[in-house]
Amino acid sequence: MAFEEKRAWVMILVSLGAYTIYVATVLGRAGDGPFADVAYAGTLLWTIGGAIVAAIAANIAMAIAGGHGADRTDERDREINQVGERIGQSIVVIGALAALVMAIAELRHFWIANAVYLAFVLSAVLSSVAKIMAYRKGGFQTW
C-alpha cells in the first residue's frame, strides 16, 4: 500500500473519530435543553486540535515504521492527491455557503460553527475516499 494511501486512511479514521467524540460530548451535554445552549466551543476546538495532533503523530509513526524513503511520492501520488483535494474542497465550498446563509438568517453561532465543522469533516472524508479509490482503481479517468 502506498504511503499516501495510508495517509488517506489515517485522515478518515482521525476525522470521523474526532467528530464522533465531539458529537457524543455535545449530545451528552444537551440534556432536555436546546442544542444551541450547549457549551460547544471548547470541545470543538479540542477535538479539532486533537485530530491535528493525532494525524501528525500517525503520519510520523508510519514514516518511521516504513523505514528510509517510505514516504516518497511520485507523479501518480501527486496527481491523485491533487484531484482528491479538489474533490474534498467542493464540500468546504458548500459548507461555507451554508454558513453564509445561516449567518444572513441570523442563526445562532452554535449552528454556524457546527455546519462549518461538519463541512471540514465531510471534506476530509470525501477527499480521502476519492484518493483511496484512485489507488485501488489505478488512478483517475483521463478526460
C-alpha atoms as a PDB file:
ATOM      1  CA  MET A   1       0.000   0.000   0.000  1.00  0.00           C
ATOM      2  CA  ALA A   2       1.360   3.404  -0.966  1.00  0.00           C
ATOM      3  CA  PHE A   3       2.281   5.803   1.821  1.00  0.00           C
ATOM      4  CA  GLU A   4      -0.220   8.383   0.541  1.00  0.00           C
ATOM      5  CA  GLU A   5      -2.993   5.790   0.596  1.00  0.00           C
ATOM      6  CA  LYS A   6      -2.131   5.046   4.232  1.00  0.00           C
ATOM      7  CA  ARG A   7      -2.309   8.772   4.952  1.00  0.00           C
ATOM      8  CA  ALA A   8      -5.787   8.859   3.429  1.00  0.00           C
ATOM      9  CA  TRP A   9      -6.909   6.012   5.709  1.00  0.00           C
ATOM     10  CA  VAL A  10      -5.472   7.851   8.717  1.00  0.00           C
ATOM     11  CA  MET A  11      -7.344  11.016   7.724  1.00  0.00           C
ATOM     12  CA  ILE A  12     -10.649   9.138   7.513  1.00  0.00           C
ATOM     13  CA  LEU A  13     -10.175   7.454  10.883  1.00  0.00           C
ATOM     14  CA  VAL A  14      -8.943  10.560  12.677  1.00  0.00           C
ATOM     15  CA  SER A  15     -11.609  12.857  11.197  1.00  0.00           C
ATOM     16  CA  LEU A  16     -14.500  10.527  11.928  1.00  0.00           C
ATOM     17  CA  GLY A  17     -13.113   9.650  15.356  1.00  0.00           C
ATOM     18  CA  ALA A  18     -12.732  13.264  16.427  1.00  0.00           C
ATOM     19  CA  TYR A  19     -16.144  14.231  15.072  1.00  0.00           C
ATOM     20  CA  THR A  20     -17.774  11.268  16.826  1.00  0.00           C
ATOM     21  CA  ILE A  21     -16.202  12.346  20.122  1.00  0.00           C
ATOM     22  CA  TYR A  22     -17.385  15.914  19.547  1.00  0.00           C
ATOM     23  CA  VAL A  23     -20.970  14.924  18.707  1.00  0.00           C
ATOM     24  CA  ALA A  24     -21.179  12.479  21.621  1.00  0.00           C
ATOM     25  CA  THR A  25     -19.911  15.136  24.033  1.00  0.00           C
ATOM     26  CA  VAL A  26     -22.312  17.814  22.785  1.00  0.00           C
ATOM     27  CA  LEU A  27     -25.275  15.428  22.791  1.00  0.00           C
ATOM     28  CA  GLY A  28     -24.346  14.336  26.316  1.00  0.00           C
ATOM     29  CA  ARG A  29     -24.376  17.930  27.495  1.00  0.00           C
ATOM     30  CA  ALA A  30     -27.648  18.835  25.796  1.00  0.00           C
ATOM     31  CA  GLY A  31     -29.964  17.044  28.181  1.00  0.00           C
ATOM     32  CA  ASP A  32     -33.505  18.348  27.741  1.00  0.00           C
ATOM     33  CA  GLY A  33     -32.438  21.840  26.715  1.00  0.00           C
ATOM     34  CA  PRO A  34     -31.941  23.240  23.233  1.00  0.00           C
ATOM     35  CA  PHE A  35     -28.737  22.309  21.412  1.00  0.00           C
ATOM     36  CA  ALA A  36     -27.873  25.955  20.791  1.00  0.00           C
ATOM     37  CA  ASP A  37     -27.440  26.480  24.544  1.00  0.00           C
ATOM     38  CA  VAL A  38     -24.827  23.735  24.933  1.00  0.00           C
ATOM     39  CA  ALA A  39     -21.243  24.790  25.700  1.00  0.00           C
ATOM     40  CA  TYR A  40     -19.613  23.562  22.496  1.00  0.00           C
ATOM     41  CA  ALA A  41     -16.711  25.870  21.666  1.00  0.00           C
ATOM     42  CA  GLY A  42     -14.103  24.314  23.926  1.00  0.00           C
ATOM     43  CA  THR A  43     -14.995  20.794  22.845  1.00  0.00           C
ATOM     44  CA  LEU A  44     -14.961  21.815  19.193  1.00  0.00           C
ATOM     45  CA  LEU A  45     -11.513  23.387  19.474  1.00  0.00           C
ATOM     46  CA  TRP A  46     -10.095  20.486  21.500  1.00  0.00           C
ATOM     47  CA  THR A  47     -11.366  17.845  19.095  1.00  0.00           C
ATOM     48  CA  ILE A  48     -10.026  19.731  16.079  1.00  0.00           C
ATOM     49  CA  GLY A  49      -6.679  20.242  17.801  1.00  0.00           C
ATOM     50  CA  GLY A  50      -6.593  16.632  18.950  1.00  0.00           C
ATOM     51  CA  ALA A  51      -7.339  15.419  15.431  1.00  0.00           C
ATOM     52  CA  ILE A  52      -4.487  17.503  14.026  1.00  0.00           C
ATOM     53  CA  VAL A  53      -2.043  16.165  16.617  1.00  0.00           C
ATOM     54  CA  ALA A  54      -3.259  12.569  16.114  1.00  0.00           C
ATOM     55  CA  ALA A  55      -2.892  12.811  12.321  1.00  0.00           C
ATOM     56  CA  ILE A  56       0.614  14.250  12.597  1.00  0.00           C
ATOM     57  CA  ALA A  57       1.654  11.578  15.115  1.00  0.00           C
ATOM     58  CA  ALA A  58       0.207   8.787  12.948  1.00  0.00           C
ATOM     59  CA  ASN A  59       1.990  10.089   9.848  1.00  0.00           C
ATOM     60  CA  ILE A  60       5.292  10.297  11.718  1.00  0.00           C
ATOM     61  CA  ALA A  61       4.812   6.775  13.081  1.00  0.00           C
ATOM     62  CA  MET A  62       4.043   5.443   9.590  1.00  0.00           C
ATOM     63  CA  ALA A  63       7.133   7.134   8.163  1.00  0.00           C
ATOM     64  CA  ILE A  64       9.346   5.707  10.917  1.00  0.00           C
ATOM     65  CA  ALA A  65       7.830   2.225  10.635  1.00  0.00           C
ATOM     66  CA  GLY A  66       8.193   2.266   6.852  1.00  0.00           C
ATOM     67  CA  GLY A  67      11.907   2.927   7.009  1.00  0.00           C
ATOM     68  CA  HIS A  68      14.073   5.236   4.935  1.00  0.00           C
ATOM     69  CA  GLY A  69      12.251   6.548   1.867  1.00  0.00           C
ATOM     70  CA  ALA A  70       8.869   5.091   2.809  1.00  0.00           C
ATOM     71  CA  ASP A  71       7.213   8.481   2.425  1.00  0.00           C
ATOM     72  CA  ARG A  72       8.474   9.136  -1.110  1.00  0.00           C
ATOM     73  CA  THR A  73       5.905  10.195  -3.648  1.00  0.00           C
ATOM     74  CA  ASP A  74       5.908  10.039  -7.402  1.00  0.00           C
ATOM     75  CA  GLU A  75       3.938  11.786 -10.134  1.00  0.00           C
ATOM     76  CA  ARG A  76       0.976   9.436  -9.741  1.00  0.00           C
ATOM     77  CA  ASP A  77       0.816  10.116  -5.995  1.00  0.00           C
ATOM     78  CA  ARG A  78       0.896  13.866  -6.589  1.00  0.00           C
ATOM     79  CA  GLU A  79      -1.849  13.654  -9.230  1.00  0.00           C
ATOM     80  CA  ILE A  80      -4.078  11.519  -7.016  1.00  0.00           C
ATOM     81  CA  ASN A  81      -3.515  13.883  -4.088  1.00  0.00           C
ATOM     82  CA  GLN A  82      -4.288  16.960  -6.184  1.00  0.00           C
ATOM     83  CA  VAL A  83      -7.522  15.573  -7.636  1.00  0.00           C
ATOM     84  CA  GLY A  84      -8.618  14.157  -4.280  1.00  0.00           C
ATOM     85  CA  GLU A  85      -8.069  17.521  -2.592  1.00  0.00           C
ATOM     86  CA  ARG A  86     -10.111  19.289  -5.264  1.00  0.00           C
ATOM     87  CA  ILE A  87     -12.964  16.864  -4.717  1.00  0.00           C
ATOM     88  CA  GLY A  88     -12.830  17.481  -0.962  1.00  0.00           C
ATOM     89  CA  GLN A  89     -12.695  21.245  -1.388  1.00  0.00           C
ATOM     90  CA  SER A  90     -16.088  21.195  -3.085  1.00  0.00           C
ATOM     91  CA  ILE A  91     -17.598  20.216   0.259  1.00  0.00           C
ATOM     92  CA  VAL A  92     -15.799  23.079   2.006  1.00  0.00           C
ATOM     93  CA  VAL A  93     -17.335  25.497  -0.507  1.00  0.00           C
ATOM     94  CA  ILE A  94     -20.798  24.054   0.089  1.00  0.00           C
ATOM     95  CA  GLY A  95     -20.253  24.303   3.857  1.00  0.00           C
ATOM     96  CA  ALA A  96     -19.074  27.904   3.566  1.00  0.00           C
ATOM     97  CA  LEU A  97     -22.155  28.799   1.545  1.00  0.00           C
ATOM     98  CA  ALA A  98     -24.358  27.082   4.121  1.00  0.00           C
ATOM     99  CA  ALA A  99     -22.642  29.023   6.923  1.00  0.00           C
ATOM    100  CA  LEU A 100     -23.078  32.256   4.967  1.00  0.00           C
ATOM    101  CA  VAL A 101     -26.792  31.624   4.537  1.00  0.00           C
ATOM    102  CA  MET A 102     -27.071  30.740   8.230  1.00  0.00           C
ATOM    103  CA  ALA A 103     -25.297  33.964   9.196  1.00  0.00           C
ATOM    104  CA  ILE A 104     -27.554  36.021   6.941  1.00  0.00           C
ATOM    105  CA  ALA A 105     -30.558  34.301   8.524  1.00  0.00           C
ATOM    106  CA  GLU A 106     -29.040  35.283  11.890  1.00  0.00           C
ATOM    107  CA  LEU A 107     -28.989  31.757  13.258  1.00  0.00           C
ATOM    108  CA  ARG A 108     -27.145  31.163  16.497  1.00  0.00           C
ATOM    109  CA  HIS A 109     -23.383  30.688  16.435  1.00  0.00           C
ATOM    110  CA  PHE A 110     -23.794  27.071  17.516  1.00  0.00           C
ATOM    111  CA  TRP A 111     -25.439  26.099  14.229  1.00  0.00           C
ATOM    112  CA  ILE A 112     -23.000  28.042  12.073  1.00  0.00           C
ATOM    113  CA  ALA A 113     -19.938  26.587  13.821  1.00  0.00           C
ATOM    114  CA  ASN A 114     -21.328  23.083  13.586  1.00  0.00           C
ATOM    115  CA  ALA A 115     -22.100  23.465   9.891  1.00  0.00           C
ATOM    116  CA  VAL A 116     -18.517  24.564   9.234  1.00  0.00           C
ATOM    117  CA  TYR A 117     -17.073  21.725  11.340  1.00  0.00           C
ATOM    118  CA  LEU A 118     -19.262  19.161   9.576  1.00  0.00           C
ATOM    119  CA  ALA A 119     -18.135  20.552   6.209  1.00  0.00           C
ATOM    120  CA  PHE A 120     -14.476  20.142   7.217  1.00  0.00           C
ATOM    121  CA  VAL A 121     -15.065  16.561   8.329  1.00  0.00           C
ATOM    122  CA  LEU A 122     -17.030  15.638   5.206  1.00  0.00           C
ATOM    123  CA  SER A 123     -14.361  17.280   3.058  1.00  0.00           C
ATOM    124  CA  ALA A 124     -11.579  15.265   4.679  1.00  0.00           C
ATOM    125  CA  VAL A 125     -13.540  12.031   4.373  1.00  0.00           C
ATOM    126  CA  LEU A 126     -14.639  12.594   0.771  1.00  0.00           C
ATOM    127  CA  SER A 127     -11.149  13.648  -0.279  1.00  0.00           C
ATOM    128  CA  SER A 128      -9.621  10.598   1.387  1.00  0.00           C
ATOM    129  CA  VAL A 129     -12.195   8.210  -0.092  1.00  0.00           C
ATOM    130  CA  ALA A 130     -11.505   9.627  -3.560  1.00  0.00           C
ATOM    131  CA  LYS A 131      -7.765   9.090  -3.063  1.00  0.00           C
ATOM    132  CA  ILE A 132      -8.231   5.529  -1.822  1.00  0.00           C
ATOM    133  CA  MET A 133     -10.496   4.714  -4.741  1.00  0.00           C
ATOM    134  CA  ALA A 134      -7.936   6.145  -7.145  1.00  0.00           C
ATOM    135  CA  TYR A 135      -5.193   3.988  -5.641  1.00  0.00           C
ATOM    136  CA  ARG A 136      -7.397   0.894  -5.759  1.00  0.00           C
ATOM    137  CA  LYS A 137      -8.633   1.509  -9.317  1.00  0.00           C
ATOM    138  CA  GLY A 138      -5.259   2.531 -10.753  1.00  0.00           C
ATOM    139  CA  GLY A 139      -5.739   6.293 -10.950  1.00  0.00           C
ATOM    140  CA  PHE A 140      -8.356   8.701 -12.236  1.00  0.00           C
ATOM    141  CA  GLN A 141     -10.065   8.552 -15.579  1.00  0.00           C
ATOM    142  CA  THR A 142      -8.484  10.980 -18.010  1.00  0.00           C
ATOM    143  CA  TRP A 143     -10.956  13.075 -19.947  1.00  0.00           C
END
